[in-house]
PDB file of N, CA and C in Angstrom:
ATOM      1  N   LEU A   1     112.510  94.725  79.602  1.00  0.00           N
ATOM      2  CA  LEU A   1     111.968  95.956  80.092  1.00  0.00           C
ATOM      3  C   LEU A   1     110.437  95.825  80.269  1.00  0.00           C
ATOM      4  N   LEU A   2     109.948  96.481  81.271  1.00  0.00           N
ATOM      5  CA  LEU A   2     108.546  96.373  81.604  1.00  0.00           C
ATOM      6  C   LEU A   2     107.869  97.837  81.224  1.00  0.00           C
ATOM      7  N   PHE A   3     106.756  97.695  80.513  1.00  0.00           N
ATOM      8  CA  PHE A   3     106.036  98.848  80.138  1.00  0.00           C
ATOM      9  C   PHE A   3     104.628  98.711  80.534  1.00  0.00           C
ATOM     10  N   ASP A   4     103.873  99.907  80.723  1.00  0.00           N
ATOM     11  CA  ASP A   4     102.480  99.850  80.917  1.00  0.00           C
ATOM     12  C   ASP A   4     101.777  99.802  79.611  1.00  0.00           C
ATOM     13  N   ASN A   5     100.452  99.899  79.639  1.00  0.00           N
ATOM     14  CA  ASN A   5      99.615  99.848  78.456  1.00  0.00           C
ATOM     15  C   ASN A   5      99.868 100.925  77.457  1.00  0.00           C
ATOM     16  N   ASP A   6     100.364 102.066  77.991  1.00  0.00           N
ATOM     17  CA  ASP A   6     100.691 103.199  77.003  1.00  0.00           C
ATOM     18  C   ASP A   6     102.186 103.188  76.618  1.00  0.00           C
ATOM     19  N   LEU A   7     102.869 102.085  76.823  1.00  0.00           N
ATOM     20  CA  LEU A   7     104.294 101.862  76.425  1.00  0.00           C
ATOM     21  C   LEU A   7     105.237 102.779  77.219  1.00  0.00           C
ATOM     22  N   GLN A   8     104.808 103.204  78.430  1.00  0.00           N
ATOM     23  CA  GLN A   8     105.700 104.028  79.243  1.00  0.00           C
ATOM     24  C   GLN A   8     106.585 103.106  80.061  1.00  0.00           C
ATOM     25  N   LEU A   9     107.877 103.281  80.038  1.00  0.00           N
ATOM     26  CA  LEU A   9     108.800 102.469  80.810  1.00  0.00           C
ATOM     27  C   LEU A   9     108.473 102.546  82.250  1.00  0.00           C
ATOM     28  N   SER A  10     108.306 101.389  82.768  1.00  0.00           N
ATOM     29  CA  SER A  10     107.959 101.314  84.243  1.00  0.00           C
ATOM     30  C   SER A  10     108.774 100.298  85.038  1.00  0.00           C
ATOM     31  N   GLY A  11     109.747  99.592  84.455  1.00  0.00           N
ATOM     32  CA  GLY A  11     110.528  98.806  85.189  1.00  0.00           C
ATOM     33  C   GLY A  11     111.421  97.865  84.299  1.00  0.00           C
ATOM     34  N   TRP A  12     112.023  96.842  84.985  1.00  0.00           N
ATOM     35  CA  TRP A  12     112.933  95.953  84.453  1.00  0.00           C
ATOM     36  C   TRP A  12     112.802  94.628  85.190  1.00  0.00           C
ATOM     37  N   GLN A  13     112.954  93.539  84.453  1.00  0.00           N
ATOM     38  CA  GLN A  13     112.860  92.186  85.102  1.00  0.00           C
ATOM     39  C   GLN A  13     113.898  91.322  84.441  1.00  0.00           C
ATOM     40  N   ASN A  14     114.647  90.536  85.340  1.00  0.00           N
ATOM     41  CA  ASN A  14     115.500  89.494  84.852  1.00  0.00           C
ATOM     42  C   ASN A  14     114.639  88.151  84.865  1.00  0.00           C
ATOM     43  N   LYS A  15     114.399  87.687  83.577  1.00  0.00           N
ATOM     44  CA  LYS A  15     113.606  86.539  83.496  1.00  0.00           C
ATOM     45  C   LYS A  15     114.201  85.294  84.091  1.00  0.00           C
ATOM     46  N   THR A  16     115.463  85.263  84.215  1.00  0.00           N
ATOM     47  CA  THR A  16     116.152  84.050  84.756  1.00  0.00           C
ATOM     48  C   THR A  16     116.030  84.160  86.322  1.00  0.00           C
ATOM     49  N   THR A  17     116.301  85.108  87.023  1.00  0.00           N
ATOM     50  CA  THR A  17     116.258  85.235  88.526  1.00  0.00           C
ATOM     51  C   THR A  17     114.958  85.793  88.973  1.00  0.00           C
ATOM     52  N   ASN A  18     114.095  86.383  88.196  1.00  0.00           N
ATOM     53  CA  ASN A  18     112.841  87.087  88.480  1.00  0.00           C
ATOM     54  C   ASN A  18     113.016  88.345  89.339  1.00  0.00           C
ATOM     55  N   GLU A  19     114.292  88.799  89.352  1.00  0.00           N
ATOM     56  CA  GLU A  19     114.582  90.109  89.990  1.00  0.00           C
ATOM     57  C   GLU A  19     113.886  91.208  89.212  1.00  0.00           C
ATOM     58  N   GLN A  20     113.296  92.094  89.933  1.00  0.00           N
ATOM     59  CA  GLN A  20     112.600  93.237  89.257  1.00  0.00           C
ATOM     60  C   GLN A  20     112.946  94.577  89.883  1.00  0.00           C
ATOM     61  N   ILE A  21     112.982  95.510  89.051  1.00  0.00           N
ATOM     62  CA  ILE A  21     113.082  96.929  89.451  1.00  0.00           C
ATOM     63  C   ILE A  21     111.841  97.680  88.928  1.00  0.00           C
ATOM     64  N   ILE A  22     110.948  98.114  89.802  1.00  0.00           N
ATOM     65  CA  ILE A  22     109.749  98.722  89.324  1.00  0.00           C
ATOM     66  C   ILE A  22     109.884 100.332  89.482  1.00  0.00           C
ATOM     67  N   THR A  23     109.738 101.120  88.584  1.00  0.00           N
ATOM     68  CA  THR A  23     109.900 102.452  88.653  1.00  0.00           C
ATOM     69  C   THR A  23     108.581 103.235  88.774  1.00  0.00           C
ATOM     70  N   ASN A  24     107.600 102.696  88.063  1.00  0.00           N
ATOM     71  CA  ASN A  24     106.175 103.138  88.092  1.00  0.00           C
ATOM     72  C   ASN A  24     105.246 102.006  88.171  1.00  0.00           C
ATOM     73  N   ASP A  25     104.402 102.032  89.114  1.00  0.00           N
ATOM     74  CA  ASP A  25     103.567 100.850  89.440  1.00  0.00           C
ATOM     75  C   ASP A  25     102.304 100.929  88.654  1.00  0.00           C
ATOM     76  N   HIS A  26     102.423 101.107  87.233  1.00  0.00           N
ATOM     77  CA  HIS A  26     101.331 101.108  86.418  1.00  0.00           C
ATOM     78  C   HIS A  26     100.999  99.605  86.048  1.00  0.00           C
ATOM     79  N   GLN A  27      99.736  99.275  86.234  1.00  0.00           N
ATOM     80  CA  GLN A  27      99.376  97.876  86.012  1.00  0.00           C
ATOM     81  C   GLN A  27      98.474  97.701  84.852  1.00  0.00           C
ATOM     82  N   PRO A  28      98.546  96.742  84.002  1.00  0.00           N
ATOM     83  CA  PRO A  28      99.465  95.622  84.079  1.00  0.00           C
ATOM     84  C   PRO A  28     100.869  96.120  83.425  1.00  0.00           C
ATOM     85  N   LEU A  29     101.895  95.360  83.760  1.00  0.00           N
ATOM     86  CA  LEU A  29     103.200  95.627  83.128  1.00  0.00           C
ATOM     87  C   LEU A  29     103.426  94.573  82.176  1.00  0.00           C
ATOM     88  N   ILE A  30     103.904  94.899  80.973  1.00  0.00           N
ATOM     89  CA  ILE A  30     104.107  94.012  79.834  1.00  0.00           C
ATOM     90  C   ILE A  30     105.638  94.060  79.607  1.00  0.00           C
ATOM     91  N   ALA A  31     106.184  92.901  79.308  1.00  0.00           N
ATOM     92  CA  ALA A  31     107.683  92.670  79.121  1.00  0.00           C
ATOM     93  C   ALA A  31     107.916  92.876  77.672  1.00  0.00           C
ATOM     94  N   PHE A  32     108.925  93.667  77.245  1.00  0.00           N
ATOM     95  CA  PHE A  32     109.445  93.703  75.783  1.00  0.00           C
ATOM     96  C   PHE A  32     110.972  93.729  75.978  1.00  0.00           C
ATOM     97  N   GLY A  33     111.620  93.141  74.942  1.00  0.00           N
ATOM     98  CA  GLY A  33     113.034  93.237  74.800  1.00  0.00           C
ATOM     99  C   GLY A  33     113.568  94.568  74.414  1.00  0.00           C
ATOM    100  N   PHE A  34     114.785  94.831  74.678  1.00  0.00           N
ATOM    101  CA  PHE A  34     115.398  96.128  74.295  1.00  0.00           C
ATOM    102  C   PHE A  34     116.245  95.881  73.047  1.00  0.00           C
ATOM    103  N   SER A  35     115.968  96.541  71.948  1.00  0.00           N
ATOM    104  CA  SER A  35     116.764  96.326  70.732  1.00  0.00           C
ATOM    105  C   SER A  35     118.102  97.086  70.719  1.00  0.00           C
ATOM    106  N   GLY A  36     118.314  97.965  71.695  1.00  0.00           N
ATOM    107  CA  GLY A  36     119.503  98.805  71.745  1.00  0.00           C
ATOM    108  C   GLY A  36     119.448  99.981  70.955  1.00  0.00           C
ATOM    109  N   ILE A  37     118.283 100.282  70.333  1.00  0.00           N
ATOM    110  CA  ILE A  37     118.087 101.423  69.546  1.00  0.00           C
ATOM    111  C   ILE A  37     117.264 102.457  70.331  1.00  0.00           C
ATOM    112  N   ALA A  38     117.719 103.813  70.393  1.00  0.00           N
ATOM    113  CA  ALA A  38     117.014 104.678  71.149  1.00  0.00           C
ATOM    114  C   ALA A  38     117.085 105.999  70.311  1.00  0.00           C
ATOM    115  N   VAL A  39     115.942 106.762  70.500  1.00  0.00           N
ATOM    116  CA  VAL A  39     115.865 108.090  69.944  1.00  0.00           C
ATOM    117  C   VAL A  39     115.609 108.928  71.161  1.00  0.00           C
ATOM    118  N   VAL A  40     116.450 109.828  71.401  1.00  0.00           N
ATOM    119  CA  VAL A  40     116.354 110.652  72.709  1.00  0.00           C
ATOM    120  C   VAL A  40     116.437 112.136  72.471  1.00  0.00           C
ATOM    121  N   SER A  41     115.748 112.909  73.313  1.00  0.00           N
ATOM    122  CA  SER A  41     115.858 114.338  73.318  1.00  0.00           C
ATOM    123  C   SER A  41     117.231 114.793  74.014  1.00  0.00           C
ATOM    124  N   PRO A  42     117.869 115.729  73.450  1.00  0.00           N
ATOM    125  CA  PRO A  42     119.129 116.217  74.048  1.00  0.00           C
ATOM    126  C   PRO A  42     118.953 116.510  75.523  1.00  0.00           C
ATOM    127  N   SER A  43     117.746 116.765  76.020  1.00  0.00           N
ATOM    128  CA  SER A  43     117.480 117.147  77.395  1.00  0.00           C
ATOM    129  C   SER A  43     117.898 116.023  78.395  1.00  0.00           C
ATOM    130  N   ILE A  44     117.953 114.769  77.737  1.00  0.00           N
ATOM    131  CA  ILE A  44     118.196 113.587  78.666  1.00  0.00           C
ATOM    132  C   ILE A  44     119.678 113.743  79.319  1.00  0.00           C
ATOM    133  N   PHE A  45     120.504 114.335  78.486  1.00  0.00           N
ATOM    134  CA  PHE A  45     121.892 114.470  78.984  1.00  0.00           C
ATOM    135  C   PHE A  45     122.017 115.178  80.300  1.00  0.00           C
ATOM    136  N   GLY A  46     121.112 116.066  80.553  1.00  0.00           N
ATOM    137  CA  GLY A  46     121.111 116.819  81.777  1.00  0.00           C
ATOM    138  C   GLY A  46     120.613 116.010  82.970  1.00  0.00           C
ATOM    139  N   LEU A  47     119.895 114.870  82.646  1.00  0.00           N
ATOM    140  CA  LEU A  47     119.351 114.023  83.605  1.00  0.00           C
ATOM    141  C   LEU A  47     120.271 112.864  84.045  1.00  0.00           C
ATOM    142  N   LEU A  48     121.257 112.610  83.225  1.00  0.00           N
ATOM    143  CA  LEU A  48     122.220 111.476  83.518  1.00  0.00           C
ATOM    144  C   LEU A  48     123.114 111.970  84.657  1.00  0.00           C
ATOM    145  N   ASN A  49     123.295 111.023  85.686  1.00  0.00           N
ATOM    146  CA  ASN A  49     124.078 111.432  86.801  1.00  0.00           C
ATOM    147  C   ASN A  49     125.495 110.725  86.820  1.00  0.00           C
ATOM    148  N   LYS A  50     125.864 110.260  85.641  1.00  0.00           N
ATOM    149  CA  LYS A  50     127.169 109.665  85.518  1.00  0.00           C
ATOM    150  C   LYS A  50     127.907 110.277  84.366  1.00  0.00           C
ATOM    151  N   SER A  51     129.191 110.098  84.287  1.00  0.00           N
ATOM    152  CA  SER A  51     129.933 110.523  83.082  1.00  0.00           C
ATOM    153  C   SER A  51     130.848 109.452  82.677  1.00  0.00           C
ATOM    154  N   GLY A  52     131.383 109.572  81.462  1.00  0.00           N
ATOM    155  CA  GLY A  52     132.218 108.548  80.941  1.00  0.00           C
ATOM    156  C   GLY A  52     131.422 107.474  80.406  1.00  0.00           C
ATOM    157  N   SER A  53     132.057 106.275  80.446  1.00  0.00           N
ATOM    158  CA  SER A  53     131.371 104.975  79.872  1.00  0.00           C
ATOM    159  C   SER A  53     130.642 104.382  80.994  1.00  0.00           C
ATOM    160  N   PHE A  54     129.381 104.046  80.715  1.00  0.00           N
ATOM    161  CA  PHE A  54     128.554 103.390  81.901  1.00  0.00           C
ATOM    162  C   PHE A  54     127.357 102.680  81.166  1.00  0.00           C
ATOM    163  N   PRO A  55     126.814 101.634  81.787  1.00  0.00           N
ATOM    164  CA  PRO A  55     125.537 101.011  81.229  1.00  0.00           C
ATOM    165  C   PRO A  55     124.413 101.992  81.236  1.00  0.00           C
ATOM    166  N   ILE A  56     123.682 102.117  80.202  1.00  0.00           N
ATOM    167  CA  ILE A  56     122.653 103.039  80.106  1.00  0.00           C
ATOM    168  C   ILE A  56     121.379 102.646  80.831  1.00  0.00           C
ATOM    169  N   MET A  57     121.164 101.372  80.935  1.00  0.00           N
ATOM    170  CA  MET A  57     119.840 100.850  81.373  1.00  0.00           C
ATOM    171  C   MET A  57     119.483 101.359  82.810  1.00  0.00           C
ATOM    172  N   PRO A  58     120.438 101.202  83.790  1.00  0.00           N
ATOM    173  CA  PRO A  58     120.101 101.796  85.155  1.00  0.00           C
ATOM    174  C   PRO A  58     119.771 103.239  85.090  1.00  0.00           C
ATOM    175  N   GLN A  59     120.389 103.985  84.231  1.00  0.00           N
ATOM    176  CA  GLN A  59     120.069 105.429  84.124  1.00  0.00           C
ATOM    177  C   GLN A  59     118.717 105.611  83.571  1.00  0.00           C
ATOM    178  N   TYR A  60     118.341 104.939  82.489  1.00  0.00           N
ATOM    179  CA  TYR A  60     116.978 105.007  81.920  1.00  0.00           C
ATOM    180  C   TYR A  60     115.925 104.721  82.995  1.00  0.00           C
ATOM    181  N   LEU A  61     116.170 103.624  83.820  1.00  0.00           N
ATOM    182  CA  LEU A  61     115.256 103.287  84.843  1.00  0.00           C
ATOM    183  C   LEU A  61     115.049 104.386  85.841  1.00  0.00           C
ATOM    184  N   GLN A  62     116.218 104.974  86.302  1.00  0.00           N
ATOM    185  CA  GLN A  62     116.188 106.025  87.277  1.00  0.00           C
ATOM    186  C   GLN A  62     115.452 107.261  86.717  1.00  0.00           C
ATOM    187  N   ILE A  63     115.724 107.540  85.503  1.00  0.00           N
ATOM    188  CA  ILE A  63     115.083 108.687  84.881  1.00  0.00           C
ATOM    189  C   ILE A  63     113.596 108.415  84.732  1.00  0.00           C
ATOM    190  N   SER A  64     113.170 107.185  84.412  1.00  0.00           N
ATOM    191  CA  SER A  64     111.790 106.890  84.128  1.00  0.00           C
ATOM    192  C   SER A  64     110.908 107.031  85.439  1.00  0.00           C
ATOM    193  N   GLU A  65     111.525 107.212  86.593  1.00  0.00           N
ATOM    194  CA  GLU A  65     110.740 107.437  87.840  1.00  0.00           C
ATOM    195  C   GLU A  65     110.013 108.741  87.783  1.00  0.00           C
ATOM    196  N   ALA A  66     110.614 109.781  87.169  1.00  0.00           N
ATOM    197  CA  ALA A  66     110.002 111.100  87.145  1.00  0.00           C
ATOM    198  C   ALA A  66     109.778 111.641  85.714  1.00  0.00           C
ATOM    199  N   HIS A  67     110.332 110.984  84.662  1.00  0.00           N
ATOM    200  CA  HIS A  67     110.198 111.503  83.323  1.00  0.00           C
ATOM    201  C   HIS A  67     109.663 110.443  82.407  1.00  0.00           C
ATOM    202  N   LEU A  68     108.958 110.831  81.487  1.00  0.00           N
ATOM    203  CA  LEU A  68     108.272 109.918  80.519  1.00  0.00           C
ATOM    204  C   LEU A  68     109.396 109.270  79.470  1.00  0.00           C
ATOM    205  N   ILE A  69     109.469 108.048  79.476  1.00  0.00           N
ATOM    206  CA  ILE A  69     110.294 107.309  78.553  1.00  0.00           C
ATOM    207  C   ILE A  69     109.368 106.215  77.918  1.00  0.00           C
ATOM    208  N   ASN A  70     109.157 106.482  76.607  1.00  0.00           N
ATOM    209  CA  ASN A  70     108.253 105.571  75.873  1.00  0.00           C
ATOM    210  C   ASN A  70     108.909 104.625  75.025  1.00  0.00           C
ATOM    211  N   GLY A  71     108.361 103.370  75.009  1.00  0.00           N
ATOM    212  CA  GLY A  71     108.785 102.431  74.119  1.00  0.00           C
ATOM    213  C   GLY A  71     108.207 102.490  72.752  1.00  0.00           C
ATOM    214  N   PHE A  72     108.735 101.767  71.837  1.00  0.00           N
ATOM    215  CA  PHE A  72     108.252 101.708  70.375  1.00  0.00           C
ATOM    216  C   PHE A  72     108.368 100.304  69.939  1.00  0.00           C
ATOM    217  N   ILE A  73     107.285  99.717  69.512  1.00  0.00           N
ATOM    218  CA  ILE A  73     107.257  98.396  68.971  1.00  0.00           C
ATOM    219  C   ILE A  73     107.678  98.311  67.612  1.00  0.00           C
ATOM    220  N   HIS A  74     108.755  97.713  67.231  1.00  0.00           N
ATOM    221  CA  HIS A  74     109.054  97.596  65.846  1.00  0.00           C
ATOM    222  C   HIS A  74     109.480  96.156  65.452  1.00  0.00           C
ATOM    223  N   ASN A  75     108.484  95.244  65.852  1.00  0.00           N
ATOM    224  CA  ASN A  75     108.692  93.830  65.609  1.00  0.00           C
ATOM    225  C   ASN A  75     108.458  93.381  64.102  1.00  0.00           C
ATOM    226  N   THR A  76     108.016  94.252  63.257  1.00  0.00           N
ATOM    227  CA  THR A  76     107.839  93.943  61.985  1.00  0.00           C
ATOM    228  C   THR A  76     108.946  94.480  61.084  1.00  0.00           C
ATOM    229  N   ASP A  77     109.847  95.252  61.647  1.00  0.00           N
ATOM    230  CA  ASP A  77     110.980  95.853  61.002  1.00  0.00           C
ATOM    231  C   ASP A  77     112.121  94.664  60.757  1.00  0.00           C
ATOM    232  N   ARG A  78     112.876  94.901  59.804  1.00  0.00           N
ATOM    233  CA  ARG A  78     114.063  94.047  59.576  1.00  0.00           C
ATOM    234  C   ARG A  78     115.297  94.797  60.025  1.00  0.00           C
ATOM    235  N   TRP A  79     116.156  94.096  60.914  1.00  0.00           N
ATOM    236  CA  TRP A  79     117.342  94.725  61.393  1.00  0.00           C
ATOM    237  C   TRP A  79     118.455  93.814  61.124  1.00  0.00           C
ATOM    238  N   LEU A  80     119.595  94.271  60.875  1.00  0.00           N
ATOM    239  CA  LEU A  80     120.825  93.538  60.612  1.00  0.00           C
ATOM    240  C   LEU A  80     122.092  94.259  61.128  1.00  0.00           C
ATOM    241  N   ASP A  81     122.894  93.590  61.848  1.00  0.00           N
ATOM    242  CA  ASP A  81     124.153  94.209  62.239  1.00  0.00           C
ATOM    243  C   ASP A  81     125.126  94.298  61.142  1.00  0.00           C
ATOM    244  N   VAL A  82     125.462  95.461  60.640  1.00  0.00           N
ATOM    245  CA  VAL A  82     126.374  95.574  59.473  1.00  0.00           C
ATOM    246  C   VAL A  82     127.721  95.989  59.991  1.00  0.00           C
ATOM    247  N   GLY A  83     128.002  95.754  61.220  1.00  0.00           N
ATOM    248  CA  GLY A  83     129.381  96.088  61.788  1.00  0.00           C
ATOM    249  C   GLY A  83     130.291  94.960  61.517  1.00  0.00           C
ATOM    250  N   LYS A  84     129.894  93.931  60.778  1.00  0.00           N
ATOM    251  CA  LYS A  84     130.734  92.890  60.420  1.00  0.00           C
ATOM    252  C   LYS A  84     130.815  92.747  58.819  1.00  0.00           C
ATOM    253  N   LEU A  85     131.994  92.601  58.347  1.00  0.00           N
ATOM    254  CA  LEU A  85     132.184  92.526  56.825  1.00  0.00           C
ATOM    255  C   LEU A  85     131.341  91.499  56.223  1.00  0.00           C
ATOM    256  N   GLU A  86     131.122  90.254  56.882  1.00  0.00           N
ATOM    257  CA  GLU A  86     130.347  89.246  56.259  1.00  0.00           C
ATOM    258  C   GLU A  86     128.810  89.653  56.180  1.00  0.00           C
ATOM    259  N   SER A  87     128.464  90.627  56.849  1.00  0.00           N
ATOM    260  CA  SER A  87     127.092  91.028  56.834  1.00  0.00           C
ATOM    261  C   SER A  87     126.702  91.946  55.584  1.00  0.00           C
ATOM    262  N   ILE A  88     127.703  92.492  55.014  1.00  0.00           N
ATOM    263  CA  ILE A  88     127.477  93.478  54.005  1.00  0.00           C
ATOM    264  C   ILE A  88     126.790  92.838  52.728  1.00  0.00           C
ATOM    265  N   PRO A  89     127.086  91.642  52.309  1.00  0.00           N
ATOM    266  CA  PRO A  89     126.238  91.052  51.103  1.00  0.00           C
ATOM    267  C   PRO A  89     124.828  90.896  51.527  1.00  0.00           C
ATOM    268  N   LEU A  90     124.501  90.454  52.736  1.00  0.00           N
ATOM    269  CA  LEU A  90     123.145  90.216  53.035  1.00  0.00           C
ATOM    270  C   LEU A  90     122.427  91.575  53.174  1.00  0.00           C
ATOM    271  N   ALA A  91     123.057  92.568  53.655  1.00  0.00           N
ATOM    272  CA  ALA A  91     122.496  93.892  53.780  1.00  0.00           C
ATOM    273  C   ALA A  91     122.209  94.387  52.394  1.00  0.00           C
ATOM    274  N   THR A  92     123.143  94.204  51.406  1.00  0.00           N
ATOM    275  CA  THR A  92     122.878  94.679  50.041  1.00  0.00           C
ATOM    276  C   THR A  92     121.705  93.993  49.488  1.00  0.00           C
ATOM    277  N   GLN A  93     121.597  92.697  49.647  1.00  0.00           N
ATOM    278  CA  GLN A  93     120.432  91.879  49.216  1.00  0.00           C
ATOM    279  C   GLN A  93     119.087  92.378  49.841  1.00  0.00           C
ATOM    280  N   LEU A  94     119.144  92.674  51.153  1.00  0.00           N
ATOM    281  CA  LEU A  94     117.897  93.071  51.705  1.00  0.00           C
ATOM    282  C   LEU A  94     117.505  94.470  51.237  1.00  0.00           C
ATOM    283  N   CYS A  95     118.500  95.386  51.083  1.00  0.00           N
ATOM    284  CA  CYS A  95     118.189  96.710  50.574  1.00  0.00           C
ATOM    285  C   CYS A  95     117.550  96.654  49.168  1.00  0.00           C
ATOM    286  N   SER A  96     117.981  95.697  48.349  1.00  0.00           N
ATOM    287  CA  SER A  96     117.559  95.700  46.945  1.00  0.00           C
ATOM    288  C   SER A  96     116.078  95.211  46.879  1.00  0.00           C
ATOM    289  N   THR A  97     115.623  94.570  47.997  1.00  0.00           N
ATOM    290  CA  THR A  97     114.259  94.131  47.916  1.00  0.00           C
ATOM    291  C   THR A  97     113.237  95.138  48.581  1.00  0.00           C
ATOM    292  N   LEU A  98     113.751  96.292  49.110  1.00  0.00           N
ATOM    293  CA  LEU A  98     112.854  97.315  49.767  1.00  0.00           C
ATOM    294  C   LEU A  98     112.295  98.173  48.778  1.00  0.00           C
ATOM    295  N   SER A  99     111.048  98.650  48.989  1.00  0.00           N
ATOM    296  CA  SER A  99     110.433  99.574  48.072  1.00  0.00           C
ATOM    297  C   SER A  99     110.117 100.771  48.924  1.00  0.00           C
ATOM    298  N   TYR A 100     110.524 101.961  48.389  1.00  0.00           N
ATOM    299  CA  TYR A 100     110.338 103.227  49.183  1.00  0.00           C
ATOM    300  C   TYR A 100     109.177 104.019  48.624  1.00  0.00           C
TER     301      TYR A 100
END
């Protein structure tokens, strides 16, 4: 995903083919990966133009042309997929090291 200096979503780039979709020509554009985690306002559902199951990224890009979608850098956080049974012991171990 491509973001401007204020972390406003401004486009997408395929690093393999160099294909780009630019939704806001704010320069410079900075590339960040998408973690798959999103916090959204319920108002976004009225902006989606598809129903059923569909890839969300094209919708986010289309919405970002007229609406603010901000990124959030969380590269110092620890993430673990706990959707697999073999991940549970590691998740338990990581949680025991956290201080709140």
